[in-house]
Amino acid sequence: MPDEETPDSPDKAPPEETETKPQSEDGSTEPEEKRLKRGDQPITFWQGFREVVIILVIAALVAILVQSFFFRAFIIPSSSMEPTLMVGDRVMVDKVTFYFRKPHRGDVVVWRYPPDSPKALNTTNPFYWPFQQIGETLHLTHRGTEPFVKRVIATEGETLQLKQGQLYINGKKINEPYIVKDNSDFGPVKVPKGTFYGLGDNRPNSRDSRFFGPIPYRAVIGRVFLIWWPFSHFGKPKG
């Protein structure tokens, strides 16, 4: 006897219909409204412009801080340091070293002269020098004055003398293989506290401490540690 078809049992549920959800362009089946609410909104022109401005401002601030307190580039403006530094040489100046020690004999240093005020060199105001450094980087202070670059030859408490171009410190003969020799005489003179004497390596053609006296430590910008341009001069200054 052939099987008779029986109606579906009332306790059997009809098969569920599966709803096909539309997919977005990125393959997600999540409704677009929810994704937009979640923060996946496209970046507008003004949002992108604002981000670029913020990045540029941060980069400018970092550059100002680095040049004010860490490293700075200078161009050698005169022949007073030849043959060590030639006119037009680009040098990098390290400001960090002198946070931890005073200039030593033989250091090639960049310094500002004259200072804004003689009293400024002795100030104990902790906010004065940071603002001075930033102001100089932004060309707001020391305008109209070019930094000098010289070699430290005598530090505080030492007595220096030049005899026929030969340097003596505390009566001891000092060898200076890097200088252009002359036959000048100078001193003896004792270096005051808080200062040093700086002379150019090109002794016959250098206006230095022989003319304007001792240089305050507080006037020093930093130590020349690298000649980076032109490549033919690349390297550490002789000394």
C-alpha atoms as a PDB file:
ATOM      1  CA  MET A   1       0.000   0.000   0.000  1.00  0.00           C
ATOM      2  CA  PRO A   2       1.590   3.243  -1.041  1.00  0.00           C
ATOM      3  CA  ASP A   3       2.544   5.610   1.661  1.00  0.00           C
ATOM      4  CA  GLU A   4       0.064   8.341   2.037  1.00  0.00           C
ATOM      5  CA  GLU A   5       1.292  11.856   2.452  1.00  0.00           C
ATOM      6  CA  THR A   6       0.440  13.105   5.837  1.00  0.00           C
ATOM      7  CA  PRO A   7       0.073  16.777   6.643  1.00  0.00           C
ATOM      8  CA  ASP A   8       2.891  18.334   8.559  1.00  0.00           C
ATOM      9  CA  SER A   9       2.707  17.774  12.208  1.00  0.00           C
ATOM     10  CA  PRO A  10       1.500  20.819  14.095  1.00  0.00           C
ATOM     11  CA  ASP A  11       4.468  20.587  16.464  1.00  0.00           C
ATOM     12  CA  LYS A  12       6.968  21.002  13.619  1.00  0.00           C
ATOM     13  CA  ALA A  13       7.915  24.608  12.923  1.00  0.00           C
ATOM     14  CA  PRO A  14       8.240  25.667   9.320  1.00  0.00           C
ATOM     15  CA  PRO A  15      11.785  26.266   8.168  1.00  0.00           C
ATOM     16  CA  GLU A  16      13.010  29.738   9.018  1.00  0.00           C
ATOM     17  CA  GLU A  17      13.641  32.069   6.177  1.00  0.00           C
ATOM     18  CA  THR A  18      17.185  33.474   6.289  1.00  0.00           C
ATOM     19  CA  GLU A  19      17.355  37.182   5.670  1.00  0.00           C
ATOM     20  CA  THR A  20      20.219  38.268   3.515  1.00  0.00           C
ATOM     21  CA  LYS A  21      21.743  41.461   4.886  1.00  0.00           C
ATOM     22  CA  PRO A  22      23.222  43.816   2.367  1.00  0.00           C
ATOM     23  CA  GLN A  23      26.983  44.105   2.518  1.00  0.00           C
ATOM     24  CA  SER A  24      28.823  47.379   2.527  1.00  0.00           C
ATOM     25  CA  GLU A  25      31.701  48.199   0.225  1.00  0.00           C
ATOM     26  CA  ASP A  26      34.218  46.947   2.818  1.00  0.00           C
ATOM     27  CA  GLY A  27      32.401  43.607   3.125  1.00  0.00           C
ATOM     28  CA  SER A  28      30.794  44.356   6.491  1.00  0.00           C
ATOM     29  CA  THR A  29      27.166  43.400   7.028  1.00  0.00           C
ATOM     30  CA  GLU A  30      26.768  45.879   9.874  1.00  0.00           C
ATOM     31  CA  PRO A  31      24.206  48.584   9.108  1.00  0.00           C
ATOM     32  CA  GLU A  32      25.850  51.763   7.865  1.00  0.00           C
ATOM     33  CA  GLU A  33      24.043  53.874  10.457  1.00  0.00           C
ATOM     34  CA  LYS A  34      25.673  51.916  13.310  1.00  0.00           C
ATOM     35  CA  ARG A  35      29.101  52.115  11.730  1.00  0.00           C
ATOM     36  CA  LEU A  36      28.837  55.881  11.309  1.00  0.00           C
ATOM     37  CA  LYS A  37      27.691  56.270  14.896  1.00  0.00           C
ATOM     38  CA  ARG A  38      30.662  54.163  16.004  1.00  0.00           C
ATOM     39  CA  GLY A  39      33.080  56.783  14.606  1.00  0.00           C
ATOM     40  CA  ASP A  40      33.908  55.489  11.146  1.00  0.00           C
ATOM     41  CA  GLN A  41      32.834  58.707   9.520  1.00  0.00           C
ATOM     42  CA  PRO A  42      34.994  59.856   6.621  1.00  0.00           C
ATOM     43  CA  ILE A  43      37.534  62.617   7.398  1.00  0.00           C
ATOM     44  CA  THR A  44      36.418  65.965   6.093  1.00  0.00           C
ATOM     45  CA  PHE A  45      38.691  68.516   4.441  1.00  0.00           C
ATOM     46  CA  TRP A  46      38.742  70.732   7.528  1.00  0.00           C
ATOM     47  CA  GLN A  47      39.575  67.827   9.833  1.00  0.00           C
ATOM     48  CA  GLY A  48      42.530  66.912   7.645  1.00  0.00           C
ATOM     49  CA  PHE A  49      43.605  70.559   7.439  1.00  0.00           C
ATOM     50  CA  ARG A  50      43.472  70.877  11.237  1.00  0.00           C
ATOM     51  CA  GLU A  51      45.607  67.760  11.694  1.00  0.00           C
ATOM     52  CA  VAL A  52      48.228  69.085   9.263  1.00  0.00           C
ATOM     53  CA  VAL A  53      48.341  72.433  11.111  1.00  0.00           C
ATOM     54  CA  ILE A  54      48.758  70.682  14.471  1.00  0.00           C
ATOM     55  CA  ILE A  55      51.615  68.544  13.101  1.00  0.00           C
ATOM     56  CA  LEU A  56      53.359  71.624  11.675  1.00  0.00           C
ATOM     57  CA  VAL A  57      53.007  73.543  14.951  1.00  0.00           C
ATOM     58  CA  ILE A  58      54.435  70.620  16.944  1.00  0.00           C
ATOM     59  CA  ALA A  59      57.331  70.292  14.476  1.00  0.00           C
ATOM     60  CA  ALA A  60      58.077  74.027  14.763  1.00  0.00           C
ATOM     61  CA  LEU A  61      58.071  73.878  18.572  1.00  0.00           C
ATOM     62  CA  VAL A  62      60.411  70.880  18.559  1.00  0.00           C
ATOM     63  CA  ALA A  63      62.778  72.684  16.153  1.00  0.00           C
ATOM     64  CA  ILE A  64      62.830  75.803  18.367  1.00  0.00           C
ATOM     65  CA  LEU A  65      63.548  73.768  21.505  1.00  0.00           C
ATOM     66  CA  VAL A  66      66.315  71.751  19.815  1.00  0.00           C
ATOM     67  CA  GLN A  67      68.035  74.884  18.474  1.00  0.00           C
ATOM     68  CA  SER A  68      67.613  76.758  21.756  1.00  0.00           C
ATOM     69  CA  PHE A  69      68.863  74.111  24.168  1.00  0.00           C
ATOM     70  CA  PHE A  70      70.613  71.270  22.311  1.00  0.00           C
ATOM     71  CA  PHE A  71      72.184  71.865  18.886  1.00  0.00           C
ATOM     72  CA  ARG A  72      72.395  74.699  16.433  1.00  0.00           C
ATOM     73  CA  ALA A  73      73.981  75.364  13.059  1.00  0.00           C
ATOM     74  CA  PHE A  74      76.148  78.401  12.319  1.00  0.00           C
ATOM     75  CA  ILE A  75      78.029  79.800   9.332  1.00  0.00           C
ATOM     76  CA  ILE A  76      81.609  80.978   9.860  1.00  0.00           C
ATOM     77  CA  PRO A  77      81.560  84.678   8.900  1.00  0.00           C
ATOM     78  CA  SER A  78      85.262  85.632   8.991  1.00  0.00           C
ATOM     79  CA  SER A  79      88.797  84.347   8.505  1.00  0.00           C
ATOM     80  CA  SER A  80      89.822  84.721  12.170  1.00  0.00           C
ATOM     81  CA  MET A  81      89.774  80.934  12.756  1.00  0.00           C
ATOM     82  CA  GLU A  82      91.629  79.878   9.605  1.00  0.00           C
ATOM     83  CA  PRO A  83      92.960  77.328   8.817  1.00  0.00           C
ATOM     84  CA  THR A  84      90.759  75.429  11.318  1.00  0.00           C
ATOM     85  CA  LEU A  85      87.519  77.017  10.125  1.00  0.00           C
ATOM     86  CA  MET A  86      87.224  78.673   6.724  1.00  0.00           C
ATOM     87  CA  VAL A  87      84.876  81.468   5.701  1.00  0.00           C
ATOM     88  CA  GLY A  88      81.509  79.961   4.780  1.00  0.00           C
ATOM     89  CA  ASP A  89      82.017  76.685   6.643  1.00  0.00           C
ATOM     90  CA  ARG A  90      78.809  75.322   8.167  1.00  0.00           C
ATOM     91  CA  VAL A  91      79.337  74.053  11.688  1.00  0.00           C
ATOM     92  CA  MET A  92      77.211  72.330  14.311  1.00  0.00           C
ATOM     93  CA  VAL A  93      77.334  73.710  17.833  1.00  0.00           C
ATOM     94  CA  ASP A  94      76.692  71.552  20.877  1.00  0.00           C
ATOM     95  CA  LYS A  95      74.956  73.406  23.711  1.00  0.00           C
ATOM     96  CA  VAL A  96      74.595  70.429  26.048  1.00  0.00           C
ATOM     97  CA  THR A  97      78.268  69.970  27.003  1.00  0.00           C
ATOM     98  CA  PHE A  98      78.508  73.265  28.843  1.00  0.00           C
ATOM     99  CA  TYR A  99      75.464  72.440  30.964  1.00  0.00           C
ATOM    100  CA  PHE A 100      77.761  70.022  32.776  1.00  0.00           C
ATOM    101  CA  ARG A 101      81.177  71.671  32.589  1.00  0.00           C
ATOM    102  CA  LYS A 102      82.880  74.963  31.826  1.00  0.00           C
ATOM    103  CA  PRO A 103      84.847  75.529  28.616  1.00  0.00           C
ATOM    104  CA  HIS A 104      88.326  73.967  28.600  1.00  0.00           C
ATOM    105  CA  ARG A 105      91.470  75.184  26.905  1.00  0.00           C
ATOM    106  CA  GLY A 106      91.401  74.089  23.271  1.00  0.00           C
ATOM    107  CA  ASP A 107      87.599  74.159  22.925  1.00  0.00           C
ATOM    108  CA  VAL A 108      86.352  76.063  19.874  1.00  0.00           C
ATOM    109  CA  VAL A 109      83.354  77.997  21.144  1.00  0.00           C
ATOM    110  CA  VAL A 110      80.658  80.262  19.765  1.00  0.00           C
ATOM    111  CA  TRP A 111      79.686  83.158  21.996  1.00  0.00           C
ATOM    112  CA  ARG A 112      77.587  86.288  21.790  1.00  0.00           C
ATOM    113  CA  TYR A 113      79.105  89.731  22.288  1.00  0.00           C
ATOM    114  CA  PRO A 114      78.243  92.150  23.643  1.00  0.00           C
ATOM    115  CA  PRO A 115      75.596  90.792  26.028  1.00  0.00           C
ATOM    116  CA  ASP A 116      72.293  92.644  26.272  1.00  0.00           C
ATOM    117  CA  SER A 117      73.376  94.004  29.644  1.00  0.00           C
ATOM    118  CA  PRO A 118      76.430  93.398  31.870  1.00  0.00           C
ATOM    119  CA  LYS A 119      74.028  92.728  34.765  1.00  0.00           C
ATOM    120  CA  ALA A 120      72.432  89.933  32.750  1.00  0.00           C
ATOM    121  CA  LEU A 121      75.633  87.908  32.981  1.00  0.00           C
ATOM    122  CA  ASN A 122      75.345  87.724  36.763  1.00  0.00           C
ATOM    123  CA  THR A 123      71.590  87.283  37.137  1.00  0.00           C
ATOM    124  CA  THR A 124      70.263  84.528  39.391  1.00  0.00           C
ATOM    125  CA  ASN A 125      66.799  84.627  37.829  1.00  0.00           C
ATOM    126  CA  PRO A 126      66.168  80.998  36.725  1.00  0.00           C
ATOM    127  CA  PHE A 127      63.781  82.117  33.971  1.00  0.00           C
ATOM    128  CA  TYR A 128      66.133  84.621  32.349  1.00  0.00           C
ATOM    129  CA  TRP A 129      68.441  82.299  30.395  1.00  0.00           C
ATOM    130  CA  PRO A 130      65.814  79.907  28.985  1.00  0.00           C
ATOM    131  CA  PHE A 131      63.895  82.847  27.564  1.00  0.00           C
ATOM    132  CA  GLN A 132      67.139  84.387  26.291  1.00  0.00           C
ATOM    133  CA  GLN A 133      67.997  81.161  24.467  1.00  0.00           C
ATOM    134  CA  ILE A 134      64.553  80.936  22.877  1.00  0.00           C
ATOM    135  CA  GLY A 135      64.582  84.641  22.057  1.00  0.00           C
ATOM    136  CA  GLU A 136      67.923  84.324  20.297  1.00  0.00           C
ATOM    137  CA  THR A 137      66.699  81.352  18.247  1.00  0.00           C
ATOM    138  CA  LEU A 138      63.704  83.426  17.150  1.00  0.00           C
ATOM    139  CA  HIS A 139      65.961  86.457  16.513  1.00  0.00           C
ATOM    140  CA  LEU A 140      64.128  88.476  19.151  1.00  0.00           C
ATOM    141  CA  THR A 141      67.248  89.142  21.244  1.00  0.00           C
ATOM    142  CA  HIS A 142      70.842  90.058  20.326  1.00  0.00           C
ATOM    143  CA  ARG A 143      69.633  91.527  17.070  1.00  0.00           C
ATOM    144  CA  GLY A 144      72.301  93.399  15.155  1.00  0.00           C
ATOM    145  CA  THR A 145      75.154  91.420  16.745  1.00  0.00           C
ATOM    146  CA  GLU A 146      76.896  88.483  15.115  1.00  0.00           C
ATOM    147  CA  PRO A 147      78.087  85.585  17.301  1.00  0.00           C
ATOM    148  CA  PHE A 148      81.858  85.185  17.556  1.00  0.00           C
ATOM    149  CA  VAL A 149      83.794  81.930  17.228  1.00  0.00           C
ATOM    150  CA  LYS A 150      87.191  81.628  18.963  1.00  0.00           C
ATOM    151  CA  ARG A 151      89.388  79.055  20.664  1.00  0.00           C
ATOM    152  CA  VAL A 152      89.640  78.979  24.443  1.00  0.00           C
ATOM    153  CA  ILE A 153      93.306  79.480  25.393  1.00  0.00           C
ATOM    154  CA  ALA A 154      93.102  80.330  29.101  1.00  0.00           C
ATOM    155  CA  THR A 155      90.426  79.815  31.762  1.00  0.00           C
ATOM    156  CA  GLU A 156      89.617  81.522  35.061  1.00  0.00           C
ATOM    157  CA  GLY A 157      92.539  81.851  37.451  1.00  0.00           C
ATOM    158  CA  GLU A 158      95.213  81.162  34.816  1.00  0.00           C
ATOM    159  CA  THR A 159      97.876  83.661  33.782  1.00  0.00           C
ATOM    160  CA  LEU A 160      98.528  83.889  30.062  1.00  0.00           C
ATOM    161  CA  GLN A 161     101.238  85.571  28.061  1.00  0.00           C
ATOM    162  CA  LEU A 162     102.270  85.746  24.409  1.00  0.00           C
ATOM    163  CA  LYS A 163     105.969  86.194  23.667  1.00  0.00           C
ATOM    164  CA  GLN A 164     106.813  86.587  19.996  1.00  0.00           C
ATOM    165  CA  GLY A 165     103.618  84.694  19.229  1.00  0.00           C
ATOM    166  CA  GLN A 166     104.384  81.823  21.607  1.00  0.00           C
ATOM    167  CA  LEU A 167     101.692  81.101  24.216  1.00  0.00           C
ATOM    168  CA  TYR A 168     102.584  80.585  27.869  1.00  0.00           C
ATOM    169  CA  ILE A 169     100.057  79.570  30.544  1.00  0.00           C
ATOM    170  CA  ASN A 170     101.231  80.024  34.132  1.00  0.00           C
ATOM    171  CA  GLY A 171     104.758  80.292  32.732  1.00  0.00           C
ATOM    172  CA  LYS A 172     104.506  76.976  30.857  1.00  0.00           C
ATOM    173  CA  LYS A 173     105.010  76.848  27.102  1.00  0.00           C
ATOM    174  CA  ILE A 174     101.915  75.627  25.243  1.00  0.00           C
ATOM    175  CA  ASN A 175     102.131  73.947  21.843  1.00  0.00           C
ATOM    176  CA  GLU A 176      99.531  75.195  19.347  1.00  0.00           C
ATOM    177  CA  PRO A 177      99.982  73.338  16.041  1.00  0.00           C
ATOM    178  CA  TYR A 178      96.699  74.677  14.632  1.00  0.00           C
ATOM    179  CA  ILE A 179      97.509  78.431  14.593  1.00  0.00           C
ATOM    180  CA  VAL A 180      98.854  80.880  12.036  1.00  0.00           C
ATOM    181  CA  LYS A 181     101.878  82.219  13.885  1.00  0.00           C
ATOM    182  CA  ASP A 182     102.813  85.846  14.319  1.00  0.00           C
ATOM    183  CA  ASN A 183     105.332  87.692  16.451  1.00  0.00           C
ATOM    184  CA  SER A 184     102.907  89.507  18.735  1.00  0.00           C
ATOM    185  CA  ASP A 185     103.383  90.077  22.462  1.00  0.00           C
ATOM    186  CA  PHE A 186     100.570  90.197  24.975  1.00  0.00           C
ATOM    187  CA  GLY A 187     100.304  90.067  28.751  1.00  0.00           C
ATOM    188  CA  PRO A 188     100.985  88.652  31.192  1.00  0.00           C
ATOM    189  CA  VAL A 189      97.390  88.868  32.375  1.00  0.00           C
ATOM    190  CA  LYS A 190      95.422  86.823  34.890  1.00  0.00           C
ATOM    191  CA  VAL A 191      91.999  85.628  33.786  1.00  0.00           C
ATOM    192  CA  PRO A 192      89.239  86.877  36.123  1.00  0.00           C
ATOM    193  CA  LYS A 193      86.792  84.486  37.765  1.00  0.00           C
ATOM    194  CA  GLY A 194      83.832  83.451  35.633  1.00  0.00           C
ATOM    195  CA  THR A 195      85.585  84.286  32.362  1.00  0.00           C
ATOM    196  CA  PHE A 196      88.047  82.927  29.803  1.00  0.00           C
ATOM    197  CA  TYR A 197      90.301  84.309  27.087  1.00  0.00           C
ATOM    198  CA  GLY A 198      89.472  83.378  23.504  1.00  0.00           C
ATOM    199  CA  LEU A 199      91.801  83.918  20.553  1.00  0.00           C
ATOM    200  CA  GLY A 200      91.438  83.169  16.862  1.00  0.00           C
ATOM    201  CA  ASP A 201      93.680  80.551  15.279  1.00  0.00           C
ATOM    202  CA  ASN A 202      94.563  83.108  12.607  1.00  0.00           C
ATOM    203  CA  ARG A 203      96.471  85.211  15.131  1.00  0.00           C
ATOM    204  CA  PRO A 204      97.643  87.963  12.742  1.00  0.00           C
ATOM    205  CA  ASN A 205      94.028  88.577  11.564  1.00  0.00           C
ATOM    206  CA  SER A 206      91.804  88.028  14.580  1.00  0.00           C
ATOM    207  CA  ARG A 207      89.982  90.514  16.748  1.00  0.00           C
ATOM    208  CA  ASP A 208      89.664  88.655  20.043  1.00  0.00           C
ATOM    209  CA  SER A 209      90.349  88.868  23.781  1.00  0.00           C
ATOM    210  CA  ARG A 210      93.574  90.735  23.104  1.00  0.00           C
ATOM    211  CA  PHE A 211      91.335  93.653  22.090  1.00  0.00           C
ATOM    212  CA  PHE A 212      88.136  93.348  24.152  1.00  0.00           C
ATOM    213  CA  GLY A 213      89.323  91.406  27.175  1.00  0.00           C
ATOM    214  CA  PRO A 214      87.967  88.320  28.949  1.00  0.00           C
ATOM    215  CA  ILE A 215      84.739  86.626  27.832  1.00  0.00           C
ATOM    216  CA  PRO A 216      82.099  85.698  30.444  1.00  0.00           C
ATOM    217  CA  TYR A 217      81.180  82.008  30.566  1.00  0.00           C
ATOM    218  CA  ARG A 218      77.541  83.108  30.543  1.00  0.00           C
ATOM    219  CA  ALA A 219      78.045  84.591  27.065  1.00  0.00           C
ATOM    220  CA  VAL A 220      78.918  81.213  25.509  1.00  0.00           C
ATOM    221  CA  ILE A 221      76.381  79.689  23.134  1.00  0.00           C
ATOM    222  CA  GLY A 222      78.090  76.331  22.696  1.00  0.00           C
ATOM    223  CA  ARG A 223      81.015  74.244  21.477  1.00  0.00           C
ATOM    224  CA  VAL A 224      81.781  73.649  17.801  1.00  0.00           C
ATOM    225  CA  PHE A 225      81.994  69.876  17.414  1.00  0.00           C
ATOM    226  CA  LEU A 226      81.441  69.290  13.693  1.00  0.00           C
ATOM    227  CA  ILE A 227      82.104  70.906  10.329  1.00  0.00           C
ATOM    228  CA  TRP A 228      79.333  69.494   8.139  1.00  0.00           C
ATOM    229  CA  TRP A 229      79.663  71.594   4.992  1.00  0.00           C
ATOM    230  CA  PRO A 230      81.403  71.636   2.591  1.00  0.00           C
ATOM    231  CA  PHE A 231      82.098  67.900   2.544  1.00  0.00           C
ATOM    232  CA  SER A 232      85.767  68.570   1.791  1.00  0.00           C
ATOM    233  CA  HIS A 233      86.038  70.041   5.328  1.00  0.00           C
ATOM    234  CA  PHE A 234      83.753  67.495   6.986  1.00  0.00           C
ATOM    235  CA  GLY A 235      84.873  66.405  10.429  1.00  0.00           C
ATOM    236  CA  LYS A 236      85.850  67.567  13.879  1.00  0.00           C
ATOM    237  CA  PRO A 237      87.755  70.871  14.183  1.00  0.00           C
ATOM    238  CA  LYS A 238      91.469  70.454  14.828  1.00  0.00           C
ATOM    239  CA  GLY A 239      92.580  71.023  18.367  1.00  0.00           C
END
